Amino acid sequence: MVTISLKPFFKQGKEQLGIWFENNVDLDALINSIKKARWSKTHHCWYLPLSKENYVSVVQGVNNSAKIDSILLKEYLEKRNKILRIKESAGEKPALVPASNKTYGISDENLSQLIHMVETMQLSGKSENTIKTYKNEFIALLQILKNRNVNTLTREEIRRYISYCSNELQLSANTLNSRFNSLKFYFEKALQQENFFSDLPRPLRPTIFPDLLTEKEIGRLFNAVKNKKHKAILFTAYSAGLKIIEVSRLKLTDIDSDRMQLSVPVTRGEKSRQVLLSPIVLDVLRMYIRVQKPRPIKYLFEGAISGTAYSTRSVQKIFENAKKMAGIHSKTTFQGLRQSFATHLLEKGVEVKYIQELLGHFNLRITERYLGIAKEKLVSIKSPFGEIWQDGEINK
């Protein structure tokens, strides 16, 4: 009896179910009659999109005319499930599958190390974006190693690999740093090999000066916005130096009008912090809540569905539209509001260590070092928003 081997392969980045067997006219006719079956000149086999339904179609279409060998297909699916588990852990959509057979080519041992690394990042509180970035940069090394176990690499081999990424692959400084950080995390945190990277030079990052907004541009930007909700979002972000995700996740309960503070939502890997609440912004927020329909019930700024947070994409779009209406041609993004806030404070003589606390730029040691000193002084720091208002640059 003829044996049919079912193996996976990729065509234009999509998984296919390959059907291989020796020349057999009767089998060719049977497979050709299966819906969606196509012949691949490149792989010299019949194939269908990889799915459970198509697998069943092949088995039923052959109708006991041949023996089905699906061992390699089973091995692939088991490994794919491991990869999907990693993707889900990194915050990616479960529907995504490996983009190429290079990912499938990672050895079982190294795949286990990749899972271990992702789990360690989750336990250490890394953000979803960081997990996704580190995972992808780590996979780039695993693809090269093939069957060599990654946990056996020496410092010298890692140094040569980083040099290869820089000189041969000519990766950008940002990508090199991400790859360096990914490997550093794996060896020093996941494997707990302390100071593994102590004698390895970090790739130099080019000095990039942010495209900041002047106080006059901030005034024009805010005046260009007429929608009260949109204005309240921009006012709140700049006046407290918030990240875009922090603005979108602010809750009504985060507003402390007695102490004139905002409690910033905790994101993964960060400590909660109290930031400035300008009296003018509090007034604007109260006006916005009074007229907003439906009124927010959980988040300060809610999406189309009550009780859900406003999306960061929508917040970014508000900022871009405001720039356009204000005639500001700067390439700065929403993050520029936060950077401008910090710069304006610095220009007014506020010490860097206090700005760091306001922005939440600490690691744990720096937080512990400055927290006791700064808390009583933070109350006396005024947001630059107030001075721009007093100068007549902004209208409610």
Foldseek 3Di string as FASTA:
>chain_A
DWEWEWAWFDDQQFIKTWTDTPDDPVLVVLQVPQPQWDADPVVRTIIHGDDPVVVVSSVVSCPPVHHYHYPNVVLLVVVQVLVLVLCVLLVHDSPDTDRHCLLVLQDPLQSVLLVLLSVLCVVLFHASVLSVLLSVLSSVVSSVCRPPHPLVDALVNVLVVLVCCCPVVVDALVSSQSSVVSVCCSVCPSVVPPCRCVPRDRRDHDDDDAQADDLLLLLLLLALDDQLLLSLLLLVCLQLLADLVQSQAAWPVQQDPVLQWGWTDDHTNADIAITHHAPVSVVSLVVNQVPDVPHADTHSDADPDHPHTDDSVVSQVSSVVSCVSSVNPTPHTSNSSSVNQLVVLVVVPDDPLLNCRSNRVDDPVSCVVCVVVCPVVNSVDGGCSVVSVVVVSHDD
